[in-house]
Amino acid sequence: MTVENGVRVFAGIMIWLSLALTLLVHPLFWLFTAFIGLNLIQSAFTGICPATALLRKLGLKDAPACSTK
């Protein structure tokens, strides 16, 4: 699995977790969902993603760059 795919999986798991916490624990956990969404948006604009650094430390590799001929 590449870092890029890992970020998508991690974000999906965190969203599911936050939704479960909202339904099962306390309604204000929707703020956790909002934080995840804002982090995804800021990473698209700034290129800074904490999950990417974490996944690289866990051993995931970057996808090879596309080559044009």
N, C-alpha and C. Protein backbone atom coordinates (compact mmCIF):
# COMPACT_ATOMS: atom_id res chain seq x y z
N MET A 1 0.85 -1.17 0.00
CA MET A 1 0.00 0.00 0.00
C MET A 1 0.90 1.24 0.00
N THR A 2 0.50 2.23 -0.75
CA THR A 2 1.27 3.47 -0.83
C THR A 2 0.79 4.45 0.24
N VAL A 3 1.57 5.49 0.45
CA VAL A 3 1.21 6.53 1.42
C VAL A 3 -0.11 7.18 1.02
N GLU A 4 -0.27 7.46 -0.26
CA GLU A 4 -1.48 8.13 -0.73
C GLU A 4 -2.73 7.30 -0.44
N ASN A 5 -2.65 6.00 -0.70
CA ASN A 5 -3.78 5.13 -0.39
C ASN A 5 -3.98 5.01 1.11
N GLY A 6 -2.88 4.98 1.85
CA GLY A 6 -2.96 4.90 3.29
C GLY A 6 -3.65 6.11 3.91
N VAL A 7 -3.39 7.28 3.35
CA VAL A 7 -4.05 8.50 3.85
C VAL A 7 -5.56 8.39 3.63
N ARG A 8 -5.97 7.89 2.50
CA ARG A 8 -7.40 7.74 2.23
C ARG A 8 -8.04 6.75 3.20
N VAL A 9 -7.36 5.63 3.44
CA VAL A 9 -7.88 4.63 4.37
C VAL A 9 -7.95 5.22 5.78
N PHE A 10 -6.88 5.90 6.20
CA PHE A 10 -6.83 6.50 7.53
C PHE A 10 -7.95 7.53 7.71
N ALA A 11 -8.15 8.39 6.72
CA ALA A 11 -9.21 9.40 6.79
C ALA A 11 -10.59 8.74 6.87
N GLY A 12 -10.80 7.71 6.08
CA GLY A 12 -12.08 7.01 6.12
C GLY A 12 -12.35 6.37 7.47
N ILE A 13 -11.32 5.74 8.04
CA ILE A 13 -11.47 5.12 9.36
C ILE A 13 -11.78 6.18 10.42
N MET A 14 -11.07 7.30 10.36
CA MET A 14 -11.29 8.35 11.34
C MET A 14 -12.70 8.94 11.23
N ILE A 15 -13.20 9.08 10.01
CA ILE A 15 -14.56 9.60 9.83
C ILE A 15 -15.58 8.60 10.38
N TRP A 16 -15.42 7.32 10.07
CA TRP A 16 -16.32 6.29 10.62
C TRP A 16 -16.27 6.29 12.14
N LEU A 17 -15.06 6.40 12.70
CA LEU A 17 -14.90 6.44 14.15
C LEU A 17 -15.63 7.63 14.76
N SER A 18 -15.44 8.80 14.14
CA SER A 18 -16.08 10.00 14.68
C SER A 18 -17.60 9.92 14.57
N LEU A 19 -18.10 9.32 13.49
CA LEU A 19 -19.55 9.16 13.38
C LEU A 19 -20.08 8.19 14.43
N ALA A 20 -19.35 7.10 14.68
CA ALA A 20 -19.77 6.15 15.71
C ALA A 20 -19.76 6.81 17.08
N LEU A 21 -18.71 7.60 17.37
CA LEU A 21 -18.65 8.29 18.65
C LEU A 21 -19.79 9.30 18.80
N THR A 22 -20.15 9.96 17.70
CA THR A 22 -21.26 10.91 17.73
C THR A 22 -22.55 10.20 18.07
N LEU A 23 -22.79 9.06 17.47
CA LEU A 23 -24.03 8.32 17.70
C LEU A 23 -24.07 7.62 19.05
N LEU A 24 -22.93 7.09 19.49
CA LEU A 24 -22.92 6.23 20.66
C LEU A 24 -22.48 6.91 21.95
N VAL A 25 -21.69 7.98 21.86
CA VAL A 25 -21.13 8.57 23.07
C VAL A 25 -21.73 9.94 23.36
N HIS A 26 -21.50 10.89 22.45
CA HIS A 26 -21.98 12.26 22.68
C HIS A 26 -22.12 12.98 21.35
N PRO A 27 -23.20 13.74 21.17
CA PRO A 27 -23.43 14.43 19.89
C PRO A 27 -22.34 15.44 19.50
N LEU A 28 -21.58 15.96 20.46
CA LEU A 28 -20.55 16.94 20.11
C LEU A 28 -19.33 16.32 19.43
N PHE A 29 -19.29 14.99 19.30
CA PHE A 29 -18.19 14.38 18.55
C PHE A 29 -18.27 14.71 17.06
N TRP A 30 -19.36 15.35 16.61
CA TRP A 30 -19.41 15.80 15.22
C TRP A 30 -18.30 16.83 14.95
N LEU A 31 -17.83 17.49 16.03
CA LEU A 31 -16.73 18.44 15.86
C LEU A 31 -15.45 17.73 15.44
N PHE A 32 -15.28 16.49 15.86
CA PHE A 32 -14.14 15.68 15.44
C PHE A 32 -14.23 15.42 13.93
N THR A 33 -15.43 15.13 13.44
CA THR A 33 -15.64 14.93 12.01
C THR A 33 -15.31 16.21 11.24
N ALA A 34 -15.74 17.34 11.78
CA ALA A 34 -15.44 18.63 11.14
C ALA A 34 -13.94 18.89 11.10
N PHE A 35 -13.23 18.56 12.18
CA PHE A 35 -11.78 18.73 12.22
C PHE A 35 -11.10 17.88 11.15
N ILE A 36 -11.55 16.65 10.97
CA ILE A 36 -10.98 15.77 9.95
C ILE A 36 -11.18 16.38 8.57
N GLY A 37 -12.37 16.87 8.30
CA GLY A 37 -12.65 17.49 7.02
C GLY A 37 -11.81 18.73 6.77
N LEU A 38 -11.67 19.57 7.79
CA LEU A 38 -10.84 20.77 7.64
C LEU A 38 -9.37 20.40 7.42
N ASN A 39 -8.90 19.37 8.09
CA ASN A 39 -7.52 18.93 7.90
C ASN A 39 -7.30 18.43 6.46
N LEU A 40 -8.27 17.72 5.92
CA LEU A 40 -8.15 17.25 4.53
C LEU A 40 -8.11 18.43 3.56
N ILE A 41 -8.93 19.43 3.82
CA ILE A 41 -8.96 20.61 2.94
C ILE A 41 -7.65 21.38 3.02
N GLN A 42 -7.16 21.62 4.25
CA GLN A 42 -5.91 22.39 4.37
C GLN A 42 -4.74 21.64 3.77
N SER A 43 -4.73 20.31 3.87
CA SER A 43 -3.62 19.55 3.30
C SER A 43 -3.62 19.61 1.78
N ALA A 44 -4.79 19.75 1.18
CA ALA A 44 -4.86 19.89 -0.27
C ALA A 44 -4.24 21.20 -0.74
N PHE A 45 -4.39 22.25 0.06
CA PHE A 45 -3.85 23.55 -0.32
C PHE A 45 -2.40 23.76 0.11
N THR A 46 -2.01 23.21 1.25
CA THR A 46 -0.67 23.47 1.78
C THR A 46 0.32 22.35 1.51
N GLY A 47 -0.19 21.14 1.29
CA GLY A 47 0.68 19.99 1.10
C GLY A 47 1.20 19.42 2.41
N ILE A 48 0.74 19.95 3.54
CA ILE A 48 1.16 19.47 4.85
C ILE A 48 0.09 18.54 5.41
N CYS A 49 0.45 17.28 5.61
CA CYS A 49 -0.50 16.29 6.10
C CYS A 49 0.17 15.46 7.20
N PRO A 50 -0.26 15.62 8.44
CA PRO A 50 0.33 14.84 9.53
C PRO A 50 0.21 13.33 9.33
N ALA A 51 -0.86 12.89 8.73
CA ALA A 51 -1.05 11.45 8.50
C ALA A 51 0.01 10.91 7.54
N THR A 52 0.42 11.70 6.57
CA THR A 52 1.45 11.27 5.64
C THR A 52 2.77 10.99 6.36
N ALA A 53 3.16 11.89 7.24
CA ALA A 53 4.39 11.70 8.00
C ALA A 53 4.30 10.44 8.87
N LEU A 54 3.16 10.24 9.50
CA LEU A 54 2.96 9.06 10.34
C LEU A 54 3.05 7.77 9.52
N LEU A 55 2.41 7.75 8.39
CA LEU A 55 2.40 6.55 7.55
C LEU A 55 3.79 6.25 6.98
N ARG A 56 4.55 7.29 6.66
CA ARG A 56 5.93 7.07 6.20
C ARG A 56 6.77 6.46 7.32
N LYS A 57 6.59 6.92 8.56
CA LYS A 57 7.32 6.36 9.69
C LYS A 57 6.93 4.91 9.94
N LEU A 58 5.69 4.56 9.57
CA LEU A 58 5.23 3.19 9.73
C LEU A 58 5.71 2.28 8.60
N GLY A 59 6.38 2.86 7.60
CA GLY A 59 6.99 2.05 6.56
C GLY A 59 6.31 2.06 5.20
N LEU A 60 5.24 2.82 5.03
CA LEU A 60 4.61 2.88 3.72
C LEU A 60 5.47 3.71 2.78
N LYS A 61 5.46 3.35 1.52
CA LYS A 61 6.28 4.02 0.51
C LYS A 61 5.42 4.94 -0.35
N ASP A 62 6.06 5.97 -0.89
CA ASP A 62 5.39 6.85 -1.83
C ASP A 62 5.15 6.11 -3.14
N ALA A 63 4.10 6.49 -3.85
CA ALA A 63 3.81 5.91 -5.16
C ALA A 63 4.87 6.39 -6.15
N PRO A 64 5.26 5.55 -7.10
CA PRO A 64 6.22 6.02 -8.11
C PRO A 64 5.61 7.12 -8.96
N ALA A 65 6.43 8.07 -9.35
CA ALA A 65 5.95 9.17 -10.20
C ALA A 65 5.61 8.65 -11.57
N CYS A 66 4.60 9.23 -12.18
CA CYS A 66 4.22 8.85 -13.54
C CYS A 66 5.30 9.35 -14.50
N SER A 67 5.66 8.52 -15.43
CA SER A 67 6.68 8.93 -16.40
C SER A 67 5.99 9.17 -17.74
N THR A 68 6.43 10.18 -18.42
CA THR A 68 5.91 10.48 -19.76
C THR A 68 7.00 10.18 -20.78
N LYS A 69 6.62 9.63 -21.88
CA LYS A 69 7.58 9.28 -22.92
C LYS A 69 7.37 10.12 -24.15
